[in-house]
PDB file of N, CA and C in Angstrom:
ATOM      1  N   MET A   1     102.864  78.022 103.550  1.00  0.00           N
ATOM      2  CA  MET A   1     102.206  78.000 102.190  1.00  0.00           C
ATOM      3  C   MET A   1     102.010  79.231 101.991  1.00  0.00           C
ATOM      4  N   ILE A   2     102.396  78.742 100.285  1.00  0.00           N
ATOM      5  CA  ILE A   2     101.539  80.442  99.487  1.00  0.00           C
ATOM      6  C   ILE A   2     100.372  80.080  99.536  1.00  0.00           C
ATOM      7  N   ASP A   3      99.506  81.754  99.495  1.00  0.00           N
ATOM      8  CA  ASP A   3      98.099  81.525  99.359  1.00  0.00           C
ATOM      9  C   ASP A   3      97.727  82.681  98.025  1.00  0.00           C
ATOM     10  N   ILE A   4      97.553  82.249  96.408  1.00  0.00           N
ATOM     11  CA  ILE A   4      97.582  82.485  95.627  1.00  0.00           C
ATOM     12  C   ILE A   4      96.175  83.174  95.443  1.00  0.00           C
ATOM     13  N   HIS A   5      95.210  84.245  95.033  1.00  0.00           N
ATOM     14  CA  HIS A   5      94.277  84.551  94.733  1.00  0.00           C
ATOM     15  C   HIS A   5      93.650  85.608  93.481  1.00  0.00           C
ATOM     16  N   PHE A   6      93.513  85.332  92.100  1.00  0.00           N
ATOM     17  CA  PHE A   6      92.757  85.886  91.536  1.00  0.00           C
ATOM     18  C   PHE A   6      91.707  85.916  91.561  1.00  0.00           C
ATOM     19  N   SER A   7      91.412  87.620  90.854  1.00  0.00           N
ATOM     20  CA  SER A   7      89.837  88.064  90.998  1.00  0.00           C
ATOM     21  C   SER A   7      89.373  88.450  89.750  1.00  0.00           C
ATOM     22  N   PHE A   8      88.323  88.242  89.443  1.00  0.00           N
ATOM     23  CA  PHE A   8      88.094  88.227  88.027  1.00  0.00           C
ATOM     24  C   PHE A   8      86.587  89.030  88.441  1.00  0.00           C
ATOM     25  N   ASP A   9      86.082  89.587  87.224  1.00  0.00           N
ATOM     26  CA  ASP A   9      84.725  90.705  87.081  1.00  0.00           C
ATOM     27  C   ASP A   9      84.567  89.924  85.439  1.00  0.00           C
ATOM     28  N   LYS A  10      83.225  89.394  86.077  1.00  0.00           N
ATOM     29  CA  LYS A  10      82.779  88.203  84.995  1.00  0.00           C
ATOM     30  C   LYS A  10      84.203  86.861  84.109  1.00  0.00           C
ATOM     31  N   GLU A  11      84.629  87.646  83.000  1.00  0.00           N
ATOM     32  CA  GLU A  11      85.483  86.162  82.726  1.00  0.00           C
ATOM     33  C   GLU A  11      86.650  86.762  82.324  1.00  0.00           C
ATOM     34  N   SER A  12      86.843  88.681  83.603  1.00  0.00           N
ATOM     35  CA  SER A  12      88.230  88.727  82.322  1.00  0.00           C
ATOM     36  C   SER A  12      89.167  89.060  84.389  1.00  0.00           C
ATOM     37  N   ILE A  13      90.220  88.450  84.577  1.00  0.00           N
ATOM     38  CA  ILE A  13      91.106  88.977  85.596  1.00  0.00           C
ATOM     39  C   ILE A  13      91.338  90.339  86.103  1.00  0.00           C
ATOM     40  N   THR A  14      91.598  90.849  87.113  1.00  0.00           N
ATOM     41  CA  THR A  14      90.894  92.096  87.504  1.00  0.00           C
ATOM     42  C   THR A  14      91.985  91.928  88.996  1.00  0.00           C
ATOM     43  N   SER A  15      92.303  91.389  88.813  1.00  0.00           N
ATOM     44  CA  SER A  15      93.911  91.376  90.396  1.00  0.00           C
ATOM     45  C   SER A  15      93.927  90.059  90.734  1.00  0.00           C
ATOM     46  N   VAL A  16      95.365  90.013  91.079  1.00  0.00           N
ATOM     47  CA  VAL A  16      96.476  89.137  91.953  1.00  0.00           C
ATOM     48  C   VAL A  16      96.897  89.408  93.112  1.00  0.00           C
ATOM     49  N   GLU A  17      96.359  88.550  94.025  1.00  0.00           N
ATOM     50  CA  GLU A  17      97.626  88.439  95.462  1.00  0.00           C
ATOM     51  C   GLU A  17      98.051  87.032  96.062  1.00  0.00           C
ATOM     52  N   MET A  18      98.893  87.850  96.872  1.00  0.00           N
ATOM     53  CA  MET A  18      99.973  86.231  96.893  1.00  0.00           C
ATOM     54  C   MET A  18     100.355  86.623  98.391  1.00  0.00           C
ATOM     55  N   SER A  19     100.405  85.371  98.916  1.00  0.00           N
ATOM     56  CA  SER A  19     100.463  85.873 100.574  1.00  0.00           C
ATOM     57  C   SER A  19     101.139  84.513 101.231  1.00  0.00           C
ATOM     58  N   GLY A  20     102.112  84.790 101.658  1.00  0.00           N
ATOM     59  CA  GLY A  20     102.871  84.062 102.830  1.00  0.00           C
ATOM     60  C   GLY A  20     103.873  83.284 102.073  1.00  0.00           C
ATOM     61  N   HIS A  21     105.043  82.051 102.432  1.00  0.00           N
ATOM     62  CA  HIS A  21     106.611  81.793 101.874  1.00  0.00           C
ATOM     63  C   HIS A  21     105.926  79.885 101.701  1.00  0.00           C
ATOM     64  N   ALA A  22     106.880  79.725 101.086  1.00  0.00           N
ATOM     65  CA  ALA A  22     106.410  78.534 100.464  1.00  0.00           C
ATOM     66  C   ALA A  22     106.801  77.535 101.703  1.00  0.00           C
ATOM     67  N   GLU A  23     108.414  77.837 101.912  1.00  0.00           N
ATOM     68  CA  GLU A  23     109.190  77.453 102.934  1.00  0.00           C
ATOM     69  C   GLU A  23     109.313  76.173 101.901  1.00  0.00           C
ATOM     70  N   SER A  24     109.169  75.455 101.205  1.00  0.00           N
ATOM     71  CA  SER A  24     110.181  74.234 100.871  1.00  0.00           C
ATOM     72  C   SER A  24     111.641  73.620 100.465  1.00  0.00           C
ATOM     73  N   GLY A  25     112.420  74.853 101.154  1.00  0.00           N
ATOM     74  CA  GLY A  25     114.087  74.607 100.843  1.00  0.00           C
ATOM     75  C   GLY A  25     114.514  76.325 101.628  1.00  0.00           C
ATOM     76  N   ALA A  26     115.398  75.921 101.974  1.00  0.00           N
ATOM     77  CA  ALA A  26     116.413  76.913 102.907  1.00  0.00           C
ATOM     78  C   ALA A  26     116.278  78.244 101.752  1.00  0.00           C
ATOM     79  N   TYR A  27     116.243  78.803 102.462  1.00  0.00           N
ATOM     80  CA  TYR A  27     116.198  80.377 101.872  1.00  0.00           C
ATOM     81  C   TYR A  27     117.734  80.715 100.768  1.00  0.00           C
ATOM     82  N   GLY A  28     116.782  80.949  99.804  1.00  0.00           N
ATOM     83  CA  GLY A  28     117.441  81.558  98.300  1.00  0.00           C
ATOM     84  C   GLY A  28     118.037  80.608  97.698  1.00  0.00           C
ATOM     85  N   GLN A  29     117.490  78.836  98.709  1.00  0.00           N
ATOM     86  CA  GLN A  29     117.548  77.714  97.778  1.00  0.00           C
ATOM     87  C   GLN A  29     116.018  77.008  97.301  1.00  0.00           C
ATOM     88  N   ASP A  30     114.548  77.849  98.172  1.00  0.00           N
ATOM     89  CA  ASP A  30     113.404  77.744  97.870  1.00  0.00           C
ATOM     90  C   ASP A  30     113.314  77.260  96.585  1.00  0.00           C
ATOM     91  N   ILE A  31     113.001  76.504  95.771  1.00  0.00           N
ATOM     92  CA  ILE A  31     112.250  76.442  94.248  1.00  0.00           C
ATOM     93  C   ILE A  31     111.182  77.131  93.717  1.00  0.00           C
ATOM     94  N   VAL A  32     109.960  76.633  94.942  1.00  0.00           N
ATOM     95  CA  VAL A  32     108.674  76.607  94.451  1.00  0.00           C
ATOM     96  C   VAL A  32     108.562  78.606  94.839  1.00  0.00           C
ATOM     97  N   CYS A  33     108.810  79.276  95.773  1.00  0.00           N
ATOM     98  CA  CYS A  33     109.443  81.141  95.860  1.00  0.00           C
ATOM     99  C   CYS A  33     109.742  81.670  94.802  1.00  0.00           C
ATOM    100  N   ALA A  34     110.899  80.709  94.481  1.00  0.00           N
ATOM    101  CA  ALA A  34     111.414  81.458  93.384  1.00  0.00           C
ATOM    102  C   ALA A  34     110.853  81.822  92.152  1.00  0.00           C
ATOM    103  N   ALA A  35     109.754  80.233  91.916  1.00  0.00           N
ATOM    104  CA  ALA A  35     109.245  80.169  90.833  1.00  0.00           C
ATOM    105  C   ALA A  35     108.162  80.987  90.468  1.00  0.00           C
ATOM    106  N   VAL A  36     107.027  81.431  91.974  1.00  0.00           N
ATOM    107  CA  VAL A  36     106.212  82.426  91.874  1.00  0.00           C
ATOM    108  C   VAL A  36     106.761  83.338  92.321  1.00  0.00           C
ATOM    109  N   SER A  37     107.777  83.824  92.405  1.00  0.00           N
ATOM    110  CA  SER A  37     107.748  85.446  91.970  1.00  0.00           C
ATOM    111  C   SER A  37     108.282  85.804  90.683  1.00  0.00           C
ATOM    112  N   ALA A  38     109.548  84.898  90.005  1.00  0.00           N
ATOM    113  CA  ALA A  38     109.823  85.181  88.885  1.00  0.00           C
ATOM    114  C   ALA A  38     108.578  85.302  87.812  1.00  0.00           C
ATOM    115  N   LEU A  39     107.133  84.190  88.201  1.00  0.00           N
ATOM    116  CA  LEU A  39     106.217  84.167  87.335  1.00  0.00           C
ATOM    117  C   LEU A  39     105.576  85.504  87.714  1.00  0.00           C
ATOM    118  N   SER A  40     104.953  85.930  88.820  1.00  0.00           N
ATOM    119  CA  SER A  40     104.387  86.643  88.905  1.00  0.00           C
ATOM    120  C   SER A  40     104.525  88.501  88.913  1.00  0.00           C
ATOM    121  N   ILE A  41     106.511  88.242  88.673  1.00  0.00           N
ATOM    122  CA  ILE A  41     107.240  89.385  88.646  1.00  0.00           C
ATOM    123  C   ILE A  41     106.856  89.887  87.199  1.00  0.00           C
ATOM    124  N   GLY A  42     107.727  88.837  86.449  1.00  0.00           N
ATOM    125  CA  GLY A  42     107.472  88.737  84.556  1.00  0.00           C
ATOM    126  C   GLY A  42     106.174  89.337  84.054  1.00  0.00           C
ATOM    127  N   THR A  43     105.077  88.699  85.261  1.00  0.00           N
ATOM    128  CA  THR A  43     104.048  89.762  84.857  1.00  0.00           C
ATOM    129  C   THR A  43     103.534  90.918  85.233  1.00  0.00           C
ATOM    130  N   VAL A  44     104.166  91.180  86.202  1.00  0.00           N
ATOM    131  CA  VAL A  44     104.251  92.520  86.000  1.00  0.00           C
ATOM    132  C   VAL A  44     104.871  93.661  85.995  1.00  0.00           C
ATOM    133  N   ASN A  45     105.942  92.923  84.950  1.00  0.00           N
ATOM    134  CA  ASN A  45     106.349  93.756  84.164  1.00  0.00           C
ATOM    135  C   ASN A  45     105.716  93.770  82.752  1.00  0.00           C
ATOM    136  N   SER A  46     105.428  93.033  82.148  1.00  0.00           N
ATOM    137  CA  SER A  46     104.944  92.550  80.806  1.00  0.00           C
ATOM    138  C   SER A  46     103.358  93.607  81.178  1.00  0.00           C
ATOM    139  N   LEU A  47     103.057  93.717  81.677  1.00  0.00           N
ATOM    140  CA  LEU A  47     101.659  94.475  81.760  1.00  0.00           C
ATOM    141  C   LEU A  47     101.944  95.717  81.170  1.00  0.00           C
ATOM    142  N   VAL A  48     103.230  96.508  82.495  1.00  0.00           N
ATOM    143  CA  VAL A  48     103.821  97.321  82.459  1.00  0.00           C
ATOM    144  C   VAL A  48     104.332  98.272  81.035  1.00  0.00           C
ATOM    145  N   GLU A  49     105.746  96.877  80.733  1.00  0.00           N
ATOM    146  CA  GLU A  49     106.361  97.263  79.072  1.00  0.00           C
ATOM    147  C   GLU A  49     104.919  96.953  77.955  1.00  0.00           C
ATOM    148  N   ILE A  50     104.962  95.088  77.998  1.00  0.00           N
ATOM    149  CA  ILE A  50     104.011  95.433  76.292  1.00  0.00           C
ATOM    150  C   ILE A  50     102.527  95.764  76.644  1.00  0.00           C
ATOM    151  N   ALA A  51     101.482  95.679  77.649  1.00  0.00           N
ATOM    152  CA  ALA A  51     101.094  95.725  77.507  1.00  0.00           C
ATOM    153  C   ALA A  51     100.290  97.218  78.097  1.00  0.00           C
ATOM    154  N   GLY A  52     101.335  98.059  78.221  1.00  0.00           N
ATOM    155  CA  GLY A  52     101.456  99.673  78.718  1.00  0.00           C
ATOM    156  C   GLY A  52     100.341  99.814  79.587  1.00  0.00           C
ATOM    157  N   ILE A  53      99.988  99.330  80.168  1.00  0.00           N
ATOM    158  CA  ILE A  53      99.243  99.425  81.518  1.00  0.00           C
ATOM    159  C   ILE A  53     100.136  99.849  83.123  1.00  0.00           C
ATOM    160  N   PRO A  54      99.596 100.467  83.195  1.00  0.00           N
ATOM    161  CA  PRO A  54     100.018 101.117  84.648  1.00  0.00           C
ATOM    162  C   PRO A  54      99.246 101.113  85.935  1.00  0.00           C
ATOM    163  N   ILE A  55     100.183  99.510  86.275  1.00  0.00           N
ATOM    164  CA  ILE A  55      99.880  98.349  87.231  1.00  0.00           C
ATOM    165  C   ILE A  55      99.986  99.214  88.665  1.00  0.00           C
ATOM    166  N   ASP A  56      98.553  98.983  89.229  1.00  0.00           N
ATOM    167  CA  ASP A  56      98.544  98.742  90.489  1.00  0.00           C
ATOM    168  C   ASP A  56      99.707  98.204  91.463  1.00  0.00           C
ATOM    169  N   VAL A  57     100.238  98.254  92.515  1.00  0.00           N
ATOM    170  CA  VAL A  57     100.885  97.103  92.512  1.00  0.00           C
ATOM    171  C   VAL A  57     101.436  97.346  94.081  1.00  0.00           C
ATOM    172  N   VAL A  58     101.308  96.467  95.543  1.00  0.00           N
ATOM    173  CA  VAL A  58     101.660  96.418  96.801  1.00  0.00           C
ATOM    174  C   VAL A  58     102.194  95.618  96.725  1.00  0.00           C
ATOM    175  N   SER A  59     103.476  95.661  97.776  1.00  0.00           N
ATOM    176  CA  SER A  59     104.228  94.242  97.607  1.00  0.00           C
ATOM    177  C   SER A  59     105.167  94.757  99.314  1.00  0.00           C
ATOM    178  N   ALA A  60     105.465  93.533 100.298  1.00  0.00           N
ATOM    179  CA  ALA A  60     106.051  93.567 101.241  1.00  0.00           C
ATOM    180  C   ALA A  60     107.859  93.416 100.937  1.00  0.00           C
ATOM    181  N   ASP A  61     108.038  94.822 100.396  1.00  0.00           N
ATOM    182  CA  ASP A  61     109.686  94.856  99.276  1.00  0.00           C
ATOM    183  C   ASP A  61     110.736  93.873 100.304  1.00  0.00           C
ATOM    184  N   LYS A  62     110.702  94.485 102.239  1.00  0.00           N
ATOM    185  CA  LYS A  62     111.865  94.107 102.878  1.00  0.00           C
ATOM    186  C   LYS A  62     111.701  92.470 102.987  1.00  0.00           C
ATOM    187  N   GLN A  63     110.324  91.970 103.731  1.00  0.00           N
ATOM    188  CA  GLN A  63     110.317  90.613 104.068  1.00  0.00           C
ATOM    189  C   GLN A  63     109.606  90.065 103.487  1.00  0.00           C
ATOM    190  N   GLY A  64     109.727  90.071 102.313  1.00  0.00           N
ATOM    191  CA  GLY A  64     108.354  89.520 101.016  1.00  0.00           C
ATOM    192  C   GLY A  64     107.289  88.883 101.575  1.00  0.00           C
ATOM    193  N   GLY A  65     106.696  87.597 100.837  1.00  0.00           N
ATOM    194  CA  GLY A  65     105.710  87.039 101.275  1.00  0.00           C
ATOM    195  C   GLY A  65     104.055  87.449 100.730  1.00  0.00           C
ATOM    196  N   TYR A  66     103.968  88.872  99.852  1.00  0.00           N
ATOM    197  CA  TYR A  66     102.926  89.398 100.091  1.00  0.00           C
ATOM    198  C   TYR A  66     103.377  90.608  98.545  1.00  0.00           C
ATOM    199  N   LEU A  67     102.177  89.810  97.784  1.00  0.00           N
ATOM    200  CA  LEU A  67     102.189  91.045  96.322  1.00  0.00           C
ATOM    201  C   LEU A  67     100.562  91.090  96.182  1.00  0.00           C
ATOM    202  N   LYS A  68     100.683  92.214  95.562  1.00  0.00           N
ATOM    203  CA  LYS A  68      98.900  92.288  94.901  1.00  0.00           C
ATOM    204  C   LYS A  68      99.398  92.997  94.015  1.00  0.00           C
ATOM    205  N   PHE A  69      98.671  92.724  93.020  1.00  0.00           N
ATOM    206  CA  PHE A  69      98.487  93.702  91.912  1.00  0.00           C
ATOM    207  C   PHE A  69      97.435  93.740  90.858  1.00  0.00           C
ATOM    208  N   SER A  70      96.635  94.981  90.890  1.00  0.00           N
ATOM    209  CA  SER A  70      95.054  95.433  90.257  1.00  0.00           C
ATOM    210  C   SER A  70      95.492  95.855  88.427  1.00  0.00           C
ATOM    211  N   LEU A  71      94.446  95.522  87.717  1.00  0.00           N
ATOM    212  CA  LEU A  71      94.497  96.308  86.461  1.00  0.00           C
ATOM    213  C   LEU A  71      93.967  97.282  87.214  1.00  0.00           C
ATOM    214  N   PRO A  72      94.275  98.946  86.805  1.00  0.00           N
ATOM    215  CA  PRO A  72      93.030  99.852  86.309  1.00  0.00           C
ATOM    216  C   PRO A  72      91.906  99.517  86.217  1.00  0.00           C
ATOM    217  N   GLU A  73      91.090 100.766  86.228  1.00  0.00           N
ATOM    218  CA  GLU A  73      89.479 100.533  85.742  1.00  0.00           C
ATOM    219  C   GLU A  73      89.555 100.698  84.625  1.00  0.00           C
ATOM    220  N   HIS A  74      89.814 101.950  83.870  1.00  0.00           N
ATOM    221  CA  HIS A  74      89.551 102.279  82.243  1.00  0.00           C
ATOM    222  C   HIS A  74      91.181 101.151  81.868  1.00  0.00           C
ATOM    223  N   VAL A  75      91.128 100.976  80.624  1.00  0.00           N
ATOM    224  CA  VAL A  75      92.298  99.987  80.474  1.00  0.00           C
ATOM    225  C   VAL A  75      91.764 100.502  78.286  1.00  0.00           C
ATOM    226  N   ASP A  76      91.688 100.584  77.538  1.00  0.00           N
ATOM    227  CA  ASP A  76      91.278 100.355  76.439  1.00  0.00           C
ATOM    228  C   ASP A  76      91.302  98.662  76.083  1.00  0.00           C
ATOM    229  N   ASP A  77      90.898  98.069  75.287  1.00  0.00           N
ATOM    230  CA  ASP A  77      90.207  97.063  74.848  1.00  0.00           C
ATOM    231  C   ASP A  77      91.314  96.293  74.085  1.00  0.00           C
ATOM    232  N   LYS A  78      92.224  97.270  73.597  1.00  0.00           N
ATOM    233  CA  LYS A  78      93.778  96.495  73.280  1.00  0.00           C
ATOM    234  C   LYS A  78      94.664  95.621  74.634  1.00  0.00           C
ATOM    235  N   GLN A  79      94.582  96.962  75.236  1.00  0.00           N
ATOM    236  CA  GLN A  79      95.024  96.471  76.722  1.00  0.00           C
ATOM    237  C   GLN A  79      94.666  95.582  77.336  1.00  0.00           C
ATOM    238  N   MET A  80      93.226  95.717  77.587  1.00  0.00           N
ATOM    239  CA  MET A  80      92.366  94.470  78.007  1.00  0.00           C
ATOM    240  C   MET A  80      92.845  92.876  77.907  1.00  0.00           C
ATOM    241  N   GLU A  81      92.959  92.329  75.964  1.00  0.00           N
ATOM    242  CA  GLU A  81      92.796  91.776  75.647  1.00  0.00           C
ATOM    243  C   GLU A  81      94.664  90.962  75.932  1.00  0.00           C
ATOM    244  N   THR A  82      95.863  92.282  75.705  1.00  0.00           N
ATOM    245  CA  THR A  82      96.747  91.783  76.375  1.00  0.00           C
ATOM    246  C   THR A  82      97.124  91.474  77.584  1.00  0.00           C
ATOM    247  N   ALA A  83      96.677  92.332  78.694  1.00  0.00           N
ATOM    248  CA  ALA A  83      96.381  92.440  79.865  1.00  0.00           C
ATOM    249  C   ALA A  83      96.420  90.806  80.120  1.00  0.00           C
ATOM    250  N   GLN A  84      94.843  89.803  79.477  1.00  0.00           N
ATOM    251  CA  GLN A  84      94.089  88.773  79.971  1.00  0.00           C
ATOM    252  C   GLN A  84      94.843  87.628  79.483  1.00  0.00           C
ATOM    253  N   ILE A  85      95.674  88.182  78.517  1.00  0.00           N
ATOM    254  CA  ILE A  85      96.402  86.783  77.985  1.00  0.00           C
ATOM    255  C   ILE A  85      97.686  86.707  78.803  1.00  0.00           C
ATOM    256  N   LEU A  86      98.604  87.913  79.387  1.00  0.00           N
ATOM    257  CA  LEU A  86      99.330  87.986  80.266  1.00  0.00           C
ATOM    258  C   LEU A  86      98.643  86.954  81.705  1.00  0.00           C
ATOM    259  N   LEU A  87      97.878  87.062  82.421  1.00  0.00           N
ATOM    260  CA  LEU A  87      97.210  87.142  83.498  1.00  0.00           C
ATOM    261  C   LEU A  87      96.760  85.849  82.942  1.00  0.00           C
ATOM    262  N   SER A  88      96.465  85.012  81.916  1.00  0.00           N
ATOM    263  CA  SER A  88      95.831  84.325  82.067  1.00  0.00           C
ATOM    264  C   SER A  88      96.703  82.764  81.718  1.00  0.00           C
ATOM    265  N   SER A  89      98.037  83.678  81.411  1.00  0.00           N
ATOM    266  CA  SER A  89      99.309  82.961  80.836  1.00  0.00           C
ATOM    267  C   SER A  89      99.850  82.550  82.497  1.00  0.00           C
ATOM    268  N   LEU A  90      99.792  83.603  83.258  1.00  0.00           N
ATOM    269  CA  LEU A  90     100.240  83.120  84.638  1.00  0.00           C
ATOM    270  C   LEU A  90      99.666  82.355  85.527  1.00  0.00           C
ATOM    271  N   LEU A  91      98.006  82.099  85.171  1.00  0.00           N
ATOM    272  CA  LEU A  91      97.371  81.858  85.795  1.00  0.00           C
ATOM    273  C   LEU A  91      97.464  80.258  85.386  1.00  0.00           C
ATOM    274  N   LEU A  92      97.951  79.649  84.269  1.00  0.00           N
ATOM    275  CA  LEU A  92      97.922  78.237  83.752  1.00  0.00           C
ATOM    276  C   LEU A  92      99.124  77.920  84.252  1.00  0.00           C
ATOM    277  N   SER A  93     100.303  78.860  84.230  1.00  0.00           N
ATOM    278  CA  SER A  93     101.318  78.278  85.033  1.00  0.00           C
ATOM    279  C   SER A  93     101.623  77.996  86.472  1.00  0.00           C
ATOM    280  N   LEU A  94     101.219  79.064  87.191  1.00  0.00           N
ATOM    281  CA  LEU A  94     100.844  78.818  88.378  1.00  0.00           C
ATOM    282  C   LEU A  94     100.066  77.516  88.779  1.00  0.00           C
ATOM    283  N   LYS A  95      98.813  76.805  87.612  1.00  0.00           N
ATOM    284  CA  LYS A  95      98.623  75.774  87.976  1.00  0.00           C
ATOM    285  C   LYS A  95      99.452  74.574  88.477  1.00  0.00           C
ATOM    286  N   GLN A  96      99.618  74.898  86.921  1.00  0.00           N
ATOM    287  CA  GLN A  96     100.914  73.853  87.283  1.00  0.00           C
ATOM    288  C   GLN A  96     102.232  73.307  88.094  1.00  0.00           C
ATOM    289  N   THR A  97     102.225  74.611  88.592  1.00  0.00           N
ATOM    290  CA  THR A  97     102.959  74.956  89.644  1.00  0.00           C
ATOM    291  C   THR A  97     102.404  74.422  91.092  1.00  0.00           C
ATOM    292  N   GLU A  98     100.958  73.978  91.030  1.00  0.00           N
ATOM    293  CA  GLU A  98     100.516  73.769  92.158  1.00  0.00           C
ATOM    294  C   GLU A  98     100.664  72.301  92.369  1.00  0.00           C
ATOM    295  N   ASP A  99     100.085  72.038  91.127  1.00  0.00           N
ATOM    296  CA  ASP A  99     100.075  70.802  90.274  1.00  0.00           C
ATOM    297  C   ASP A  99     101.466  69.788  91.027  1.00  0.00           C
ATOM    298  N   GLU A 100     102.338  70.150  90.387  1.00  0.00           N
ATOM    299  CA  GLU A 100     103.492  69.898  90.866  1.00  0.00           C
ATOM    300  C   GLU A 100     103.395  69.970  92.585  1.00  0.00           C
ATOM    301  N   TYR A 101     104.165  71.117  93.244  1.00  0.00           N
ATOM    302  CA  TYR A 101     104.242  71.245  94.571  1.00  0.00           C
ATOM    303  C   TYR A 101     103.251  71.965  95.401  1.00  0.00           C
ATOM    304  N   GLY A 102     101.683  71.359  95.095  1.00  0.00           N
ATOM    305  CA  GLY A 102     100.528  71.654  96.070  1.00  0.00           C
ATOM    306  C   GLY A 102     100.920  72.003  96.912  1.00  0.00           C
ATOM    307  N   GLU A 103     101.341  70.752  97.760  1.00  0.00           N
ATOM    308  CA  GLU A 103     101.835  71.539  98.971  1.00  0.00           C
ATOM    309  C   GLU A 103     102.576  72.762  99.904  1.00  0.00           C
ATOM    310  N   TYR A 104     103.114  73.530  98.576  1.00  0.00           N
ATOM    311  CA  TYR A 104     103.361  74.971  98.988  1.00  0.00           C
ATOM    312  C   TYR A 104     102.756  76.017  98.876  1.00  0.00           C
ATOM    313  N   LEU A 105     101.821  75.810  98.237  1.00  0.00           N
ATOM    314  CA  LEU A 105     100.708  76.790  97.514  1.00  0.00           C
ATOM    315  C   LEU A 105      99.647  76.241  96.610  1.00  0.00           C
ATOM    316  N   THR A 106      98.883  77.126  96.902  1.00  0.00           N
ATOM    317  CA  THR A 106      97.790  76.886  96.836  1.00  0.00           C
ATOM    318  C   THR A 106      96.069  77.913  96.068  1.00  0.00           C
ATOM    319  N   ILE A 107      96.252  77.991  94.824  1.00  0.00           N
ATOM    320  CA  ILE A 107      95.400  78.969  94.021  1.00  0.00           C
ATOM    321  C   ILE A 107      93.566  79.015  94.295  1.00  0.00           C
ATOM    322  N   ASN A 108      93.409  80.012  94.116  1.00  0.00           N
ATOM    323  CA  ASN A 108      91.367  79.937  94.367  1.00  0.00           C
ATOM    324  C   ASN A 108      91.109  81.042  93.696  1.00  0.00           C
ATOM    325  N   SER A 109      89.827  81.517  93.428  1.00  0.00           N
ATOM    326  CA  SER A 109      89.587  82.492  92.428  1.00  0.00           C
ATOM    327  C   SER A 109      87.891  83.196  93.635  1.00  0.00           C
ATOM    328  N   SER A 110      87.900  85.170  93.628  1.00  0.00           N
ATOM    329  CA  SER A 110      86.795  85.183  93.292  1.00  0.00           C
ATOM    330  C   SER A 110      85.822  85.630  91.961  1.00  0.00           C
ATOM    331  N   TYR A 111      84.982  85.615  91.772  1.00  0.00           N
ATOM    332  CA  TYR A 111      84.042  86.173  90.520  1.00  0.00           C
ATOM    333  C   TYR A 111      83.205  87.566  91.390  1.00  0.00           C
ATOM    334  N   ARG A 112      82.594  88.228  90.381  1.00  0.00           N
ATOM    335  CA  ARG A 112      81.810  89.547  90.364  1.00  0.00           C
ATOM    336  C   ARG A 112      81.213  88.962  89.155  1.00  0.00           C
ATOM    337  N   LYS A 113      79.647  89.225  89.190  1.00  0.00           N
ATOM    338  CA  LYS A 113      79.146  89.334  87.693  1.00  0.00           C
ATOM    339  C   LYS A 113      78.786  90.757  87.536  1.00  0.00           C
TER     340      LYS A 113
END
């Protein structure tokens, strides 16, 4: 199972952490893993290229199964607005994936006031 955790500061998403393996199919044919990977890596790339934010990324490159990315503490208002659109889109897409394939992934959140 893939466990996905979104961290919020007030109403803003500040980081996303994913761990585990979906195991919904054979290696190379796991559509849940492929969906989660494409959505998350696409979001990281968009945060860097579109929003111009230097994202802190930690991943388990060789064996997979772990990805964490965080927004830096200091981003300007335009960058934060773009980041929140991209991160909200990621959350929405992953929730839709969870609705369809909930036995293979779970999403949770923590809030800091």
